C-alpha atoms as a PDB file:
ATOM      1  CA  UNK A   1     -17.370 -47.121  10.642  1.00  0.00           C
ATOM      2  CA  UNK A   2     -20.988 -47.299   9.651  1.00  0.00           C
ATOM      3  CA  UNK A   3     -21.992 -46.357  13.211  1.00  0.00           C
ATOM      4  CA  UNK A   4     -19.856 -43.173  12.970  1.00  0.00           C
ATOM      5  CA  UNK A   5     -21.297 -42.269   9.555  1.00  0.00           C
ATOM      6  CA  UNK A   6     -24.839 -42.640  10.811  1.00  0.00           C
ATOM      7  CA  UNK A   7     -24.299 -40.229  13.639  1.00  0.00           C
ATOM      8  CA  UNK A   8     -26.018 -36.918  12.591  1.00  0.00           C
ATOM      9  CA  UNK A   9     -23.614 -34.750  14.659  1.00  0.00           C
ATOM     10  CA  UNK A  10     -20.554 -36.084  12.853  1.00  0.00           C
ATOM     11  CA  UNK A  11     -22.252 -35.791   9.461  1.00  0.00           C
ATOM     12  CA  UNK A  12     -23.216 -32.200  10.275  1.00  0.00           C
ATOM     13  CA  UNK A  13     -19.658 -31.339  11.388  1.00  0.00           C
ATOM     14  CA  UNK A  14     -18.198 -32.924   8.245  1.00  0.00           C
ATOM     15  CA  UNK A  15     -20.687 -31.034   6.110  1.00  0.00           C
ATOM     16  CA  UNK A  16     -19.864 -27.736   7.797  1.00  0.00           C
ATOM     17  CA  UNK A  17     -16.158 -28.371   7.349  1.00  0.00           C
ATOM     18  CA  UNK A  18     -16.519 -29.406   3.718  1.00  0.00           C
ATOM     19  CA  UNK A  19     -18.766 -26.372   2.975  1.00  0.00           C
ATOM     20  CA  UNK A  20     -16.327 -24.022   4.673  1.00  0.00           C
ATOM     21  CA  UNK A  21     -13.404 -25.458   2.756  1.00  0.00           C
ATOM     22  CA  UNK A  22     -15.216 -25.162  -0.576  1.00  0.00           C
ATOM     23  CA  UNK A  23     -16.466 -21.658   0.207  1.00  0.00           C
ATOM     24  CA  UNK A  24     -13.027 -20.496   1.274  1.00  0.00           C
ATOM     25  CA  UNK A  25     -11.451 -21.955  -1.852  1.00  0.00           C
ATOM     26  CA  UNK A  26     -14.031 -20.278  -4.059  1.00  0.00           C
ATOM     27  CA  UNK A  27     -13.564 -16.978  -2.314  1.00  0.00           C
ATOM     28  CA  UNK A  28      -9.776 -17.219  -2.545  1.00  0.00           C
ATOM     29  CA  UNK A  29      -9.972 -17.890  -6.274  1.00  0.00           C
ATOM     30  CA  UNK A  30     -12.408 -15.091  -6.916  1.00  0.00           C
ATOM     31  CA  UNK A  31     -10.551 -12.635  -4.697  1.00  0.00           C
ATOM     32  CA  UNK A  32      -7.197 -13.316  -6.343  1.00  0.00           C
ATOM     33  CA  UNK A  33      -8.661 -12.612  -9.778  1.00  0.00           C
ATOM     34  CA  UNK A  34     -10.193  -9.417  -8.506  1.00  0.00           C
ATOM     35  CA  UNK A  35      -6.926  -8.321  -6.896  1.00  0.00           C
ATOM     36  CA  UNK A  36      -5.038  -9.082 -10.075  1.00  0.00           C
ATOM     37  CA  UNK A  37      -7.475  -6.985 -12.146  1.00  0.00           C
ATOM     38  CA  UNK A  38      -7.224  -4.136  -9.673  1.00  0.00           C
ATOM     39  CA  UNK A  39      -3.404  -4.207  -9.850  1.00  0.00           C
ATOM     40  CA  UNK A  40      -3.535  -4.169 -13.652  1.00  0.00           C
ATOM     41  CA  UNK A  41      -6.042  -1.271 -13.753  1.00  0.00           C
ATOM     42  CA  UNK A  42      -4.130   0.808 -11.233  1.00  0.00           C
ATOM     43  CA  UNK A  43      -2.390   3.739 -12.974  1.00  0.00           C
ATOM     44  CA  UNK A  44       1.363   4.117 -12.657  1.00  0.00           C
ATOM     45  CA  UNK A  45       2.459   6.795 -10.174  1.00  0.00           C
ATOM     46  CA  UNK A  46       3.181  10.100 -11.781  1.00  0.00           C
ATOM     47  CA  UNK A  47       6.521  11.572 -10.794  1.00  0.00           C
ATOM     48  CA  UNK A  48       6.923  15.240 -11.630  1.00  0.00           C
ATOM     49  CA  UNK A  49      10.240  16.904 -12.454  1.00  0.00           C
ATOM     50  CA  UNK A  50      12.494  17.278  -9.493  1.00  0.00           C
ATOM     51  CA  UNK A  51      10.431  14.780  -7.442  1.00  0.00           C
ATOM     52  CA  UNK A  52      12.362  11.592  -8.046  1.00  0.00           C
ATOM     53  CA  UNK A  53      11.949  10.343  -4.518  1.00  0.00           C
ATOM     54  CA  UNK A  54       8.146  10.168  -4.465  1.00  0.00           C
ATOM     55  CA  UNK A  55       7.424  13.682  -3.187  1.00  0.00           C
ATOM     56  CA  UNK A  56       4.035  14.235  -4.797  1.00  0.00           C
ATOM     57  CA  UNK A  57       3.047  17.704  -3.614  1.00  0.00           C
ATOM     58  CA  UNK A  58       4.557  21.139  -3.358  1.00  0.00           C
ATOM     59  CA  UNK A  59       2.851  23.918  -1.378  1.00  0.00           C
ATOM     60  CA  UNK A  60       3.457  27.603  -0.878  1.00  0.00           C
ATOM     61  CA  UNK A  61       4.750  26.905   2.634  1.00  0.00           C
ATOM     62  CA  UNK A  62       7.331  24.445   1.324  1.00  0.00           C
ATOM     63  CA  UNK A  63       8.353  26.934  -1.361  1.00  0.00           C
ATOM     64  CA  UNK A  64       8.748  29.627   1.345  1.00  0.00           C
ATOM     65  CA  UNK A  65      10.837  27.294   3.548  1.00  0.00           C
ATOM     66  CA  UNK A  66      13.041  26.441   0.572  1.00  0.00           C
ATOM     67  CA  UNK A  67      13.544  30.182  -0.232  1.00  0.00           C
ATOM     68  CA  UNK A  68      14.342  30.931   3.440  1.00  0.00           C
ATOM     69  CA  UNK A  69      16.830  28.061   3.562  1.00  0.00           C
ATOM     70  CA  UNK A  70      18.513  29.260   0.370  1.00  0.00           C
ATOM     71  CA  UNK A  71      18.726  32.804   1.862  1.00  0.00           C
ATOM     72  CA  UNK A  72      20.219  31.483   5.125  1.00  0.00           C
ATOM     73  CA  UNK A  73      22.712  29.440   3.186  1.00  0.00           C
ATOM     74  CA  UNK A  74      23.758  32.477   1.177  1.00  0.00           C
ATOM     75  CA  UNK A  75      24.042  34.557   4.349  1.00  0.00           C
ATOM     76  CA  UNK A  76      26.237  31.864   5.985  1.00  0.00           C
ATOM     77  CA  UNK A  77      28.436  31.737   2.911  1.00  0.00           C
ATOM     78  CA  UNK A  78      28.811  35.562   2.962  1.00  0.00           C
ATOM     79  CA  UNK A  79      29.743  35.472   6.620  1.00  0.00           C
ATOM     80  CA  UNK A  80      32.381  32.831   5.972  1.00  0.00           C
ATOM     81  CA  UNK A  81      33.793  34.973   3.127  1.00  0.00           C
ATOM     82  CA  UNK A  82      33.922  38.089   5.332  1.00  0.00           C
ATOM     83  CA  UNK A  83      35.571  36.146   8.163  1.00  0.00           C
ATOM     84  CA  UNK A  84      38.473  35.136   6.000  1.00  0.00           C
END
């Protein structure tokens, strides 16, 4: 056992492993605290009216598509009424 402990290569490997383990543990602890603080500081998502499912933007193009869809739906309903 003394012979193994006096071998510089084994001592170096054990030192590298111990240093890596301590460094990784220290990093893990510090990173978990930083992540927890980031989660706590993150603002809650803002959900506007009519956007319950996470839709967070509304553009003119989408408004135009919605109007066109409403117009086509009204036209289809009118055609069904005329056919009966």
